[in-house]
Amino acid sequence: MRVLFIINDAPYGSEKAYNALRMAMTLQKQHPDVEISIFLLADAVICALPNQTTPQGYYNIERMLRAVISKGGRVKACGTCSEARGIKGLPLIEGVEIGTMADLAQWTVEADKVLVF
C-alpha cells in the first residue's frame, strides 16, 4: 500500500505537521510494507529546513522527518512554495528534494490513500 501525506502548515504554531508525521511514523512502525510519501506545500516547506531550534515545549519536526526518511519515506518540498518563501536555494534536510506539481500529481495517482493535513 502507498500512502501520500500532503502537509500544508508550518512546522510550529499548529500541530498539523506533527500529527501527520506521527501518523507516518506509526504506519512505518506497525506496517513496514507501507510506502510513505510526504509532500510539503505552502508554509510546510519550512519543515524541510535543517538545524531547527525547537521552541520550548514543542516536538522537533526535523527529527521526525529524518526518522521517516531513514525508514524509506520519500519527502518533497514544493519548489514554487519554497521560492515564494525565499528558501529554494537553502540546504534542506538530507533526503528532502524540491518537487513540482507534476511530482505531486504523479504521487497522487500512485497512492492508495491520500491524507491531507
C-alpha atoms as a PDB file:
ATOM      1  CA  MET A   1       0.000   0.000   0.000  1.00  0.00           C
ATOM      2  CA  ARG A   2       1.133   3.536  -0.767  1.00  0.00           C
ATOM      3  CA  VAL A   3       0.120   6.437   1.462  1.00  0.00           C
ATOM      4  CA  LEU A   4       0.662  10.056   0.476  1.00  0.00           C
ATOM      5  CA  PHE A   5       0.683  12.760   3.142  1.00  0.00           C
ATOM      6  CA  ILE A   6       0.168  16.344   1.985  1.00  0.00           C
ATOM      7  CA  ILE A   7       1.160  18.811   4.690  1.00  0.00           C
ATOM      8  CA  ASN A   8       0.207  22.498   4.364  1.00  0.00           C
ATOM      9  CA  ASP A   9       1.032  24.111   7.729  1.00  0.00           C
ATOM     10  CA  ALA A  10       4.270  25.454   9.180  1.00  0.00           C
ATOM     11  CA  PRO A  11       6.202  23.132  11.478  1.00  0.00           C
ATOM     12  CA  TYR A  12       5.314  25.068  14.603  1.00  0.00           C
ATOM     13  CA  GLY A  13       2.255  27.046  15.671  1.00  0.00           C
ATOM     14  CA  SER A  14      -0.219  24.294  14.915  1.00  0.00           C
ATOM     15  CA  GLU A  15       0.083  20.555  15.328  1.00  0.00           C
ATOM     16  CA  LYS A  16      -0.829  19.541  11.773  1.00  0.00           C
ATOM     17  CA  ALA A  17       2.726  18.743  10.632  1.00  0.00           C
ATOM     18  CA  TYR A  18       3.385  16.992  13.941  1.00  0.00           C
ATOM     19  CA  ASN A  19       0.250  14.850  13.673  1.00  0.00           C
ATOM     20  CA  ALA A  20       0.928  13.967  10.027  1.00  0.00           C
ATOM     21  CA  LEU A  21       4.461  12.858  10.883  1.00  0.00           C
ATOM     22  CA  ARG A  22       3.294  10.921  13.936  1.00  0.00           C
ATOM     23  CA  MET A  23       0.887   9.024  11.704  1.00  0.00           C
ATOM     24  CA  ALA A  24       3.562   8.408   9.065  1.00  0.00           C
ATOM     25  CA  MET A  25       5.989   7.116  11.706  1.00  0.00           C
ATOM     26  CA  THR A  26       3.325   4.874  13.249  1.00  0.00           C
ATOM     27  CA  LEU A  27       2.450   3.408   9.856  1.00  0.00           C
ATOM     28  CA  GLN A  28       6.128   2.684   9.199  1.00  0.00           C
ATOM     29  CA  LYS A  29       6.482   1.016  12.591  1.00  0.00           C
ATOM     30  CA  GLN A  30       3.288  -1.063  12.527  1.00  0.00           C
ATOM     31  CA  HIS A  31       3.160  -1.747   8.780  1.00  0.00           C
ATOM     32  CA  PRO A  32       6.719  -1.786   7.378  1.00  0.00           C
ATOM     33  CA  ASP A  33       5.421  -2.758   3.933  1.00  0.00           C
ATOM     34  CA  VAL A  34       3.513   0.538   3.543  1.00  0.00           C
ATOM     35  CA  GLU A  35       5.269   3.071   1.307  1.00  0.00           C
ATOM     36  CA  ILE A  36       5.175   6.592   2.732  1.00  0.00           C
ATOM     37  CA  SER A  37       5.436   9.762   0.634  1.00  0.00           C
ATOM     38  CA  ILE A  38       5.222  13.256   2.088  1.00  0.00           C
ATOM     39  CA  PHE A  39       4.699  16.388   0.002  1.00  0.00           C
ATOM     40  CA  LEU A  40       5.247  19.698   1.781  1.00  0.00           C
ATOM     41  CA  LEU A  41       3.112  22.575   0.449  1.00  0.00           C
ATOM     42  CA  ALA A  42       2.664  26.227   1.415  1.00  0.00           C
ATOM     43  CA  ASP A  43       4.207  27.038   4.829  1.00  0.00           C
ATOM     44  CA  ALA A  44       5.006  23.353   5.375  1.00  0.00           C
ATOM     45  CA  VAL A  45       8.103  23.752   3.169  1.00  0.00           C
ATOM     46  CA  ILE A  46       9.728  25.307   6.252  1.00  0.00           C
ATOM     47  CA  CYS A  47       9.625  21.790   7.783  1.00  0.00           C
ATOM     48  CA  ALA A  48      12.398  20.822   5.343  1.00  0.00           C
ATOM     49  CA  LEU A  49      14.995  23.228   6.773  1.00  0.00           C
ATOM     50  CA  PRO A  50      17.790  21.632   8.835  1.00  0.00           C
ATOM     51  CA  ASN A  51      19.179  22.744  12.205  1.00  0.00           C
ATOM     52  CA  GLN A  52      15.833  23.649  13.692  1.00  0.00           C
ATOM     53  CA  THR A  53      15.796  25.045  17.199  1.00  0.00           C
ATOM     54  CA  THR A  54      12.677  23.635  18.750  1.00  0.00           C
ATOM     55  CA  PRO A  55      10.560  26.110  20.711  1.00  0.00           C
ATOM     56  CA  GLN A  56      10.136  25.324  24.400  1.00  0.00           C
ATOM     57  CA  GLY A  57       7.552  22.595  24.865  1.00  0.00           C
ATOM     58  CA  TYR A  58       7.426  21.564  21.183  1.00  0.00           C
ATOM     59  CA  TYR A  59       8.336  18.416  19.284  1.00  0.00           C
ATOM     60  CA  ASN A  60      11.152  18.559  16.700  1.00  0.00           C
ATOM     61  CA  ILE A  61       9.862  18.286  13.124  1.00  0.00           C
ATOM     62  CA  GLU A  62      13.353  17.881  11.684  1.00  0.00           C
ATOM     63  CA  ARG A  63      13.983  14.748  13.784  1.00  0.00           C
ATOM     64  CA  MET A  64      10.589  13.364  12.807  1.00  0.00           C
ATOM     65  CA  LEU A  65      11.215  13.918   9.080  1.00  0.00           C
ATOM     66  CA  ARG A  66      14.655  12.312   9.381  1.00  0.00           C
ATOM     67  CA  ALA A  67      13.050   9.287  11.067  1.00  0.00           C
ATOM     68  CA  VAL A  68      10.540   8.867   8.219  1.00  0.00           C
ATOM     69  CA  ILE A  69      13.290   9.230   5.600  1.00  0.00           C
ATOM     70  CA  SER A  70      15.553   6.755   7.404  1.00  0.00           C
ATOM     71  CA  LYS A  71      12.839   4.109   7.031  1.00  0.00           C
ATOM     72  CA  GLY A  72      12.460   4.664   3.306  1.00  0.00           C
ATOM     73  CA  GLY A  73       9.940   7.503   3.247  1.00  0.00           C
ATOM     74  CA  ARG A  74      10.072   9.924   0.335  1.00  0.00           C
ATOM     75  CA  VAL A  75       9.796  13.658   1.034  1.00  0.00           C
ATOM     76  CA  LYS A  76       9.497  16.542  -1.409  1.00  0.00           C
ATOM     77  CA  ALA A  77       9.002  20.242  -0.759  1.00  0.00           C
ATOM     78  CA  CYS A  78       7.066  22.298  -3.306  1.00  0.00           C
ATOM     79  CA  GLY A  79       9.506  24.348  -5.381  1.00  0.00           C
ATOM     80  CA  THR A  80       7.070  27.184  -6.050  1.00  0.00           C
ATOM     81  CA  CYS A  81       6.186  27.408  -2.353  1.00  0.00           C
ATOM     82  CA  SER A  82       9.880  27.286  -1.399  1.00  0.00           C
ATOM     83  CA  GLU A  83      10.706  30.050  -3.853  1.00  0.00           C
ATOM     84  CA  ALA A  84       7.844  32.221  -2.587  1.00  0.00           C
ATOM     85  CA  ARG A  85       9.206  31.903   0.953  1.00  0.00           C
ATOM     86  CA  GLY A  86      12.826  32.593  -0.038  1.00  0.00           C
ATOM     87  CA  ILE A  87      14.149  29.142   0.876  1.00  0.00           C
ATOM     88  CA  LYS A  88      14.533  27.483  -2.546  1.00  0.00           C
ATOM     89  CA  GLY A  89      18.321  27.927  -2.594  1.00  0.00           C
ATOM     90  CA  LEU A  90      18.866  26.942   1.043  1.00  0.00           C
ATOM     91  CA  PRO A  91      20.135  23.489   2.030  1.00  0.00           C
ATOM     92  CA  LEU A  92      17.379  21.081   3.051  1.00  0.00           C
ATOM     93  CA  ILE A  93      17.298  18.132   5.425  1.00  0.00           C
ATOM     94  CA  GLU A  94      19.208  15.267   3.809  1.00  0.00           C
ATOM     95  CA  GLY A  95      16.768  13.187   1.798  1.00  0.00           C
ATOM     96  CA  VAL A  96      14.305  16.011   1.095  1.00  0.00           C
ATOM     97  CA  GLU A  97      14.046  17.092  -2.535  1.00  0.00           C
ATOM     98  CA  ILE A  98      12.444  20.061  -4.226  1.00  0.00           C
ATOM     99  CA  GLY A  99       9.313  18.886  -6.047  1.00  0.00           C
ATOM    100  CA  THR A 100       6.816  20.150  -8.569  1.00  0.00           C
ATOM    101  CA  MET A 101       3.065  19.964  -9.045  1.00  0.00           C
ATOM    102  CA  ALA A 102       3.772  17.267 -11.636  1.00  0.00           C
ATOM    103  CA  ASP A 103       5.517  15.238  -8.890  1.00  0.00           C
ATOM    104  CA  LEU A 104       2.556  15.730  -6.568  1.00  0.00           C
ATOM    105  CA  ALA A 105       0.138  14.740  -9.313  1.00  0.00           C
ATOM    106  CA  GLN A 106       2.139  11.565 -10.011  1.00  0.00           C
ATOM    107  CA  TRP A 107       2.344  10.632  -6.330  1.00  0.00           C
ATOM    108  CA  THR A 108      -1.405  11.244  -6.010  1.00  0.00           C
ATOM    109  CA  VAL A 109      -2.342   8.848  -8.801  1.00  0.00           C
ATOM    110  CA  GLU A 110       0.100   6.248  -7.471  1.00  0.00           C
ATOM    111  CA  ALA A 111      -1.229   6.480  -3.897  1.00  0.00           C
ATOM    112  CA  ASP A 112      -3.813   4.135  -2.449  1.00  0.00           C
ATOM    113  CA  LYS A 113      -4.634   6.713   0.222  1.00  0.00           C
ATOM    114  CA  VAL A 114      -4.042  10.459   0.393  1.00  0.00           C
ATOM    115  CA  LEU A 115      -4.102  12.200   3.768  1.00  0.00           C
ATOM    116  CA  VAL A 116      -4.124  15.999   3.872  1.00  0.00           C
ATOM    117  CA  PHE A 117      -3.036  17.928   6.947  1.00  0.00           C
END
